[in-house]
N, C-alpha and C. Protein backbone atom coordinates (compact mmCIF):
# COMPACT_ATOMS: atom_id res chain seq x y z
N UNK A 1 -14.85 5.51 3.12
CA UNK A 1 -14.01 5.24 1.97
C UNK A 1 -14.10 3.75 1.65
N UNK A 2 -14.20 3.45 0.37
CA UNK A 2 -14.30 2.08 -0.09
C UNK A 2 -12.93 1.52 -0.46
N UNK A 3 -12.81 0.20 -0.44
CA UNK A 3 -11.57 -0.45 -0.86
C UNK A 3 -11.20 -0.05 -2.28
N UNK A 4 -12.20 0.06 -3.15
CA UNK A 4 -11.94 0.44 -4.53
C UNK A 4 -11.34 1.85 -4.62
N UNK A 5 -11.70 2.73 -3.68
CA UNK A 5 -11.10 4.07 -3.63
C UNK A 5 -9.61 3.98 -3.29
N UNK A 6 -9.27 3.10 -2.34
CA UNK A 6 -7.87 2.92 -1.97
C UNK A 6 -7.06 2.30 -3.10
N UNK A 7 -7.66 1.38 -3.83
CA UNK A 7 -6.94 0.67 -4.90
C UNK A 7 -6.55 1.59 -6.05
N UNK A 8 -7.22 2.72 -6.19
CA UNK A 8 -6.92 3.64 -7.28
C UNK A 8 -5.82 4.64 -6.93
N UNK A 9 -5.31 4.60 -5.70
CA UNK A 9 -4.29 5.55 -5.27
C UNK A 9 -2.89 4.97 -5.42
N UNK A 10 -1.93 5.83 -5.78
CA UNK A 10 -0.53 5.43 -5.79
C UNK A 10 -0.03 5.35 -4.36
N UNK A 11 0.86 4.41 -4.09
CA UNK A 11 1.46 4.28 -2.77
C UNK A 11 2.91 4.73 -2.88
N UNK A 12 3.27 5.74 -2.09
CA UNK A 12 4.61 6.32 -2.13
C UNK A 12 5.25 6.17 -0.75
N UNK A 13 6.49 5.64 -0.76
CA UNK A 13 7.23 5.46 0.48
C UNK A 13 8.00 6.74 0.80
N UNK A 14 7.74 7.34 1.95
CA UNK A 14 8.42 8.56 2.36
C UNK A 14 9.90 8.33 2.64
N UNK A 15 10.28 7.10 2.96
CA UNK A 15 11.67 6.80 3.28
C UNK A 15 12.60 7.01 2.08
N UNK A 16 12.11 6.68 0.87
CA UNK A 16 12.97 6.83 -0.31
C UNK A 16 12.30 7.57 -1.47
N UNK A 17 11.02 7.94 -1.32
CA UNK A 17 10.32 8.71 -2.34
C UNK A 17 9.85 7.90 -3.54
N UNK A 18 9.95 6.58 -3.48
CA UNK A 18 9.58 5.73 -4.62
C UNK A 18 8.14 5.24 -4.51
N UNK A 19 7.53 5.07 -5.68
CA UNK A 19 6.22 4.42 -5.72
C UNK A 19 6.42 2.94 -5.43
N UNK A 20 5.53 2.37 -4.62
CA UNK A 20 5.69 0.99 -4.20
C UNK A 20 4.86 0.01 -5.02
N UNK A 21 3.70 0.42 -5.47
CA UNK A 21 2.82 -0.49 -6.19
C UNK A 21 1.37 -0.15 -5.93
N UNK A 22 0.51 -1.16 -6.06
CA UNK A 22 -0.92 -0.95 -5.89
C UNK A 22 -1.50 -1.94 -4.89
N UNK A 23 -2.58 -1.54 -4.25
CA UNK A 23 -3.25 -2.39 -3.26
C UNK A 23 -4.02 -3.49 -3.98
N UNK A 24 -3.78 -4.73 -3.55
CA UNK A 24 -4.53 -5.85 -4.12
C UNK A 24 -5.42 -6.53 -3.09
N UNK A 25 -5.14 -6.28 -1.79
CA UNK A 25 -5.93 -6.94 -0.75
C UNK A 25 -5.76 -6.19 0.56
N UNK A 26 -6.66 -6.44 1.51
CA UNK A 26 -6.62 -5.82 2.82
C UNK A 26 -6.84 -6.90 3.87
N UNK A 27 -6.04 -6.87 4.95
CA UNK A 27 -6.20 -7.80 6.06
C UNK A 27 -6.99 -7.09 7.16
N UNK A 28 -8.16 -7.65 7.50
CA UNK A 28 -9.05 -7.04 8.49
C UNK A 28 -9.26 -8.02 9.64
N UNK A 29 -9.20 -7.52 10.89
CA UNK A 29 -9.40 -8.41 12.04
C UNK A 29 -10.89 -8.59 12.33
N UNK A 30 -11.20 -9.32 13.39
CA UNK A 30 -12.59 -9.64 13.73
C UNK A 30 -13.44 -8.43 14.10
N UNK A 31 -12.80 -7.34 14.52
CA UNK A 31 -13.53 -6.14 14.91
C UNK A 31 -13.74 -5.18 13.74
N UNK A 32 -13.18 -5.50 12.59
CA UNK A 32 -13.32 -4.64 11.41
C UNK A 32 -12.17 -3.67 11.22
N UNK A 33 -11.16 -3.76 12.08
CA UNK A 33 -10.00 -2.87 11.98
C UNK A 33 -9.03 -3.41 10.91
N UNK A 34 -8.52 -2.49 10.08
CA UNK A 34 -7.55 -2.89 9.05
C UNK A 34 -6.19 -3.09 9.71
N UNK A 35 -5.61 -4.27 9.55
CA UNK A 35 -4.29 -4.57 10.09
C UNK A 35 -3.19 -4.18 9.11
N UNK A 36 -3.37 -4.54 7.84
CA UNK A 36 -2.35 -4.25 6.84
C UNK A 36 -2.93 -4.25 5.44
N UNK A 37 -2.20 -3.62 4.54
CA UNK A 37 -2.53 -3.60 3.13
C UNK A 37 -1.59 -4.52 2.39
N UNK A 38 -2.10 -5.31 1.48
CA UNK A 38 -1.25 -6.17 0.64
C UNK A 38 -1.01 -5.42 -0.66
N UNK A 39 0.26 -5.28 -1.02
CA UNK A 39 0.66 -4.46 -2.15
C UNK A 39 1.30 -5.34 -3.23
N UNK A 40 0.86 -5.15 -4.47
CA UNK A 40 1.52 -5.76 -5.62
C UNK A 40 2.64 -4.81 -6.00
N UNK A 41 3.89 -5.27 -5.82
CA UNK A 41 5.03 -4.41 -6.14
C UNK A 41 5.02 -4.08 -7.62
N UNK A 42 5.64 -2.96 -7.95
CA UNK A 42 5.73 -2.53 -9.34
C UNK A 42 6.47 -3.59 -10.14
N UNK A 43 5.99 -3.82 -11.33
CA UNK A 43 6.59 -4.82 -12.21
C UNK A 43 7.50 -4.14 -13.21
N UNK A 44 8.59 -4.81 -13.52
CA UNK A 44 9.48 -4.35 -14.56
C UNK A 44 9.28 -5.24 -15.77
N UNK A 45 9.91 -4.95 -16.86
CA UNK A 45 9.65 -5.64 -18.13
C UNK A 45 9.72 -7.16 -18.00
N UNK A 46 10.80 -7.68 -17.42
CA UNK A 46 10.96 -9.13 -17.36
C UNK A 46 10.92 -9.69 -15.94
N UNK A 47 10.67 -8.85 -14.96
CA UNK A 47 10.71 -9.30 -13.58
C UNK A 47 9.36 -9.11 -12.91
N UNK A 48 8.85 -10.16 -12.28
CA UNK A 48 7.60 -10.06 -11.52
C UNK A 48 7.88 -9.28 -10.25
N UNK A 49 6.97 -8.45 -9.87
CA UNK A 49 7.18 -7.59 -8.71
C UNK A 49 7.02 -8.27 -7.38
N UNK A 50 6.12 -9.24 -7.27
CA UNK A 50 5.86 -9.88 -5.99
C UNK A 50 4.85 -9.11 -5.16
N UNK A 51 4.59 -9.63 -3.97
CA UNK A 51 3.61 -9.03 -3.06
C UNK A 51 4.30 -8.71 -1.75
N UNK A 52 3.98 -7.56 -1.17
CA UNK A 52 4.49 -7.18 0.14
C UNK A 52 3.33 -6.66 0.98
N UNK A 53 3.54 -6.53 2.27
CA UNK A 53 2.50 -6.02 3.17
C UNK A 53 2.97 -4.74 3.84
N UNK A 54 2.02 -3.84 4.04
CA UNK A 54 2.28 -2.59 4.76
C UNK A 54 1.33 -2.56 5.94
N UNK A 55 1.89 -2.45 7.13
CA UNK A 55 1.06 -2.37 8.33
C UNK A 55 0.32 -1.04 8.37
N UNK A 56 -0.87 -1.07 8.93
CA UNK A 56 -1.69 0.14 9.02
C UNK A 56 -0.94 1.24 9.77
N UNK A 57 -0.14 0.86 10.76
CA UNK A 57 0.62 1.85 11.53
C UNK A 57 1.71 2.53 10.70
N UNK A 58 2.09 1.96 9.56
CA UNK A 58 3.11 2.55 8.69
C UNK A 58 2.53 3.57 7.70
N UNK A 59 1.21 3.69 7.67
CA UNK A 59 0.58 4.67 6.79
C UNK A 59 0.65 6.04 7.46
N UNK A 60 1.22 6.99 6.75
CA UNK A 60 1.38 8.34 7.28
C UNK A 60 0.19 9.22 6.93
N UNK A 61 -0.26 9.15 5.67
CA UNK A 61 -1.36 10.01 5.23
C UNK A 61 -2.04 9.38 4.01
N UNK A 62 -3.35 9.47 3.97
CA UNK A 62 -4.11 9.06 2.80
C UNK A 62 -4.66 10.33 2.18
N UNK A 63 -4.14 10.66 1.00
CA UNK A 63 -4.56 11.87 0.31
C UNK A 63 -5.54 11.57 -0.80
N UNK A 64 -5.84 12.60 -1.59
CA UNK A 64 -6.78 12.47 -2.68
C UNK A 64 -6.26 11.52 -3.77
N UNK A 65 -4.96 11.59 -4.05
CA UNK A 65 -4.38 10.79 -5.14
C UNK A 65 -3.36 9.76 -4.69
N UNK A 66 -2.78 9.92 -3.50
CA UNK A 66 -1.71 9.03 -3.06
C UNK A 66 -1.91 8.61 -1.61
N UNK A 67 -1.26 7.51 -1.27
CA UNK A 67 -1.15 7.06 0.11
C UNK A 67 0.34 7.14 0.45
N UNK A 68 0.67 7.95 1.47
CA UNK A 68 2.04 8.11 1.89
C UNK A 68 2.32 7.15 3.03
N UNK A 69 3.35 6.33 2.89
CA UNK A 69 3.72 5.35 3.91
C UNK A 69 5.17 5.59 4.31
N UNK A 70 5.52 5.12 5.47
CA UNK A 70 6.89 5.24 5.95
C UNK A 70 7.38 3.84 6.28
N UNK A 71 7.95 3.18 5.28
CA UNK A 71 8.43 1.81 5.43
C UNK A 71 9.94 1.81 5.31
N UNK A 72 10.60 1.41 6.36
CA UNK A 72 12.07 1.32 6.34
C UNK A 72 12.45 -0.14 6.12
N UNK A 73 13.34 -0.37 5.21
CA UNK A 73 13.76 -1.75 4.90
C UNK A 73 14.84 -2.22 5.84
């Protein structure tokens, strides 16, 4: 799977059922293992969404159209 494939998927948090945003970057260690995904939070009309990180261990499932994560605030 390519990074561009991941960037086209919606990210949904299982904890609250909300869409979180889109992948803008990936943190990879020296061995090639993905540590975390950097997410551009959803933007509202007048508010910038900001950037957050999701650890690879918080990813529950990568499906055809969505990435399901379990992030508790």
